[in-house]
């Protein structure tokens, strides 16, 4: 799991909450095939390759980006609404 949150700082808070998953405080490389990215803002192409991700709005200031079909299917099967990232990028630009 990747944690990109300049406002709230260190990933140790998230690491404490999900102790069984390694949390990295950086953007995943383009060579990563599966990733979860938690962010407090809408990310842009400068941050990650958005076309590889789908998105879940957790609340007003927490966004989960999901890369990889297997991970996306897990969240969909849990009944969470997954959307295309481009919709939010367009909304941000307007």
C-alpha atoms as a PDB file:
ATOM      1  CA  UNK A   1       0.000   0.000   0.000  1.00  0.00           C
ATOM      2  CA  UNK A   2       1.201   3.485  -0.877  1.00  0.00           C
ATOM      3  CA  UNK A   3       0.290   6.531   1.201  1.00  0.00           C
ATOM      4  CA  UNK A   4       0.467   9.940  -0.502  1.00  0.00           C
ATOM      5  CA  UNK A   5      -0.661  12.573   1.947  1.00  0.00           C
ATOM      6  CA  UNK A   6       1.344  15.759   2.376  1.00  0.00           C
ATOM      7  CA  UNK A   7      -1.236  17.290   4.704  1.00  0.00           C
ATOM      8  CA  UNK A   8      -1.209  14.605   7.398  1.00  0.00           C
ATOM      9  CA  UNK A   9       2.375  13.484   7.005  1.00  0.00           C
ATOM     10  CA  UNK A  10       3.964  10.219   7.934  1.00  0.00           C
ATOM     11  CA  UNK A  11       2.604   6.878   6.908  1.00  0.00           C
ATOM     12  CA  UNK A  12       3.135   5.429  10.397  1.00  0.00           C
ATOM     13  CA  UNK A  13      -0.510   6.192  11.250  1.00  0.00           C
ATOM     14  CA  UNK A  14      -1.748   4.115   8.326  1.00  0.00           C
ATOM     15  CA  UNK A  15       0.899   1.468   9.038  1.00  0.00           C
ATOM     16  CA  UNK A  16      -0.474   1.135  12.564  1.00  0.00           C
ATOM     17  CA  UNK A  17      -4.012   0.643  11.234  1.00  0.00           C
ATOM     18  CA  UNK A  18      -3.018  -1.949   8.625  1.00  0.00           C
ATOM     19  CA  UNK A  19      -0.129  -3.658  10.365  1.00  0.00           C
ATOM     20  CA  UNK A  20      -0.215  -6.714   8.112  1.00  0.00           C
ATOM     21  CA  UNK A  21       0.509  -4.661   4.948  1.00  0.00           C
ATOM     22  CA  UNK A  22       3.687  -2.702   4.226  1.00  0.00           C
ATOM     23  CA  UNK A  23       2.911   1.014   3.787  1.00  0.00           C
ATOM     24  CA  UNK A  24       5.224   3.089   1.582  1.00  0.00           C
ATOM     25  CA  UNK A  25       5.117   6.876   1.744  1.00  0.00           C
ATOM     26  CA  UNK A  26       5.695   7.496  -1.966  1.00  0.00           C
ATOM     27  CA  UNK A  27       4.140   7.011  -5.373  1.00  0.00           C
ATOM     28  CA  UNK A  28       4.343   3.517  -6.848  1.00  0.00           C
ATOM     29  CA  UNK A  29       6.629   3.058  -9.837  1.00  0.00           C
ATOM     30  CA  UNK A  30       5.122   2.448 -13.255  1.00  0.00           C
ATOM     31  CA  UNK A  31       6.510  -1.109 -13.182  1.00  0.00           C
ATOM     32  CA  UNK A  32       4.284  -2.064 -10.209  1.00  0.00           C
ATOM     33  CA  UNK A  33       1.478  -4.334 -11.454  1.00  0.00           C
ATOM     34  CA  UNK A  34      -0.839  -4.062  -8.420  1.00  0.00           C
ATOM     35  CA  UNK A  35      -1.111  -1.175  -5.985  1.00  0.00           C
ATOM     36  CA  UNK A  36      -3.348   0.533  -3.486  1.00  0.00           C
ATOM     37  CA  UNK A  37      -2.678   4.255  -3.158  1.00  0.00           C
ATOM     38  CA  UNK A  38      -4.356   6.198  -0.359  1.00  0.00           C
ATOM     39  CA  UNK A  39      -4.362   9.961  -0.852  1.00  0.00           C
ATOM     40  CA  UNK A  40      -5.983  13.042   0.658  1.00  0.00           C
ATOM     41  CA  UNK A  41      -6.213  14.751  -2.725  1.00  0.00           C
ATOM     42  CA  UNK A  42      -7.068  13.968  -6.313  1.00  0.00           C
ATOM     43  CA  UNK A  43      -3.848  12.801  -7.935  1.00  0.00           C
ATOM     44  CA  UNK A  44      -2.723  13.862 -11.400  1.00  0.00           C
ATOM     45  CA  UNK A  45      -0.615  12.296 -14.134  1.00  0.00           C
ATOM     46  CA  UNK A  46       2.377  13.961 -12.479  1.00  0.00           C
ATOM     47  CA  UNK A  47       1.789  11.698  -9.462  1.00  0.00           C
ATOM     48  CA  UNK A  48       0.816   8.330 -10.974  1.00  0.00           C
ATOM     49  CA  UNK A  49      -0.216   6.907 -14.355  1.00  0.00           C
ATOM     50  CA  UNK A  50      -3.940   7.475 -13.843  1.00  0.00           C
ATOM     51  CA  UNK A  51      -5.115   5.320 -16.748  1.00  0.00           C
ATOM     52  CA  UNK A  52      -3.899   2.245 -14.836  1.00  0.00           C
ATOM     53  CA  UNK A  53      -6.068   2.996 -11.779  1.00  0.00           C
ATOM     54  CA  UNK A  54      -9.675   3.013 -10.674  1.00  0.00           C
ATOM     55  CA  UNK A  55     -10.861   5.057  -7.730  1.00  0.00           C
ATOM     56  CA  UNK A  56     -12.990   4.800  -4.599  1.00  0.00           C
ATOM     57  CA  UNK A  57     -13.962   8.010  -2.812  1.00  0.00           C
ATOM     58  CA  UNK A  58     -13.792   6.960   0.843  1.00  0.00           C
ATOM     59  CA  UNK A  59     -14.942  10.379   2.083  1.00  0.00           C
ATOM     60  CA  UNK A  60     -14.466  14.044   1.207  1.00  0.00           C
ATOM     61  CA  UNK A  61     -10.707  13.977   1.709  1.00  0.00           C
ATOM     62  CA  UNK A  62      -9.637  10.336   1.393  1.00  0.00           C
ATOM     63  CA  UNK A  63      -9.324   8.662  -1.986  1.00  0.00           C
ATOM     64  CA  UNK A  64      -8.231   5.103  -2.691  1.00  0.00           C
ATOM     65  CA  UNK A  65      -6.615   4.413  -6.069  1.00  0.00           C
ATOM     66  CA  UNK A  66      -6.578   0.755  -7.110  1.00  0.00           C
ATOM     67  CA  UNK A  67      -4.309  -0.723  -9.771  1.00  0.00           C
ATOM     68  CA  UNK A  68      -4.716  -4.278 -11.006  1.00  0.00           C
ATOM     69  CA  UNK A  69      -7.777  -6.290 -11.951  1.00  0.00           C
ATOM     70  CA  UNK A  70      -7.457  -8.713  -9.049  1.00  0.00           C
ATOM     71  CA  UNK A  71      -7.453  -5.920  -6.456  1.00  0.00           C
ATOM     72  CA  UNK A  72     -10.276  -4.096  -8.231  1.00  0.00           C
ATOM     73  CA  UNK A  73     -12.383  -7.277  -8.209  1.00  0.00           C
ATOM     74  CA  UNK A  74     -11.821  -7.703  -4.464  1.00  0.00           C
ATOM     75  CA  UNK A  75     -13.219  -4.239  -3.750  1.00  0.00           C
ATOM     76  CA  UNK A  76     -16.092  -4.658  -6.210  1.00  0.00           C
ATOM     77  CA  UNK A  77     -17.060  -7.996  -4.658  1.00  0.00           C
ATOM     78  CA  UNK A  78     -17.161  -6.250  -1.268  1.00  0.00           C
ATOM     79  CA  UNK A  79     -19.834  -3.965  -2.713  1.00  0.00           C
ATOM     80  CA  UNK A  80     -17.742  -0.801  -2.937  1.00  0.00           C
ATOM     81  CA  UNK A  81     -18.408   1.615  -5.789  1.00  0.00           C
ATOM     82  CA  UNK A  82     -15.328   1.749  -8.019  1.00  0.00           C
ATOM     83  CA  UNK A  83     -15.165   4.436 -10.673  1.00  0.00           C
ATOM     84  CA  UNK A  84     -12.905   5.450 -13.518  1.00  0.00           C
ATOM     85  CA  UNK A  85     -10.189   7.870 -12.417  1.00  0.00           C
ATOM     86  CA  UNK A  86     -10.616  10.134 -15.446  1.00  0.00           C
ATOM     87  CA  UNK A  87     -13.990  11.377 -14.142  1.00  0.00           C
ATOM     88  CA  UNK A  88     -12.351  12.902 -11.090  1.00  0.00           C
ATOM     89  CA  UNK A  89      -9.421  14.355 -12.998  1.00  0.00           C
ATOM     90  CA  UNK A  90     -11.851  16.107 -15.366  1.00  0.00           C
ATOM     91  CA  UNK A  91     -13.868  17.414 -12.410  1.00  0.00           C
ATOM     92  CA  UNK A  92     -10.688  18.795 -10.846  1.00  0.00           C
ATOM     93  CA  UNK A  93      -9.702  20.611 -14.051  1.00  0.00           C
ATOM     94  CA  UNK A  94     -13.125  22.319 -14.395  1.00  0.00           C
END
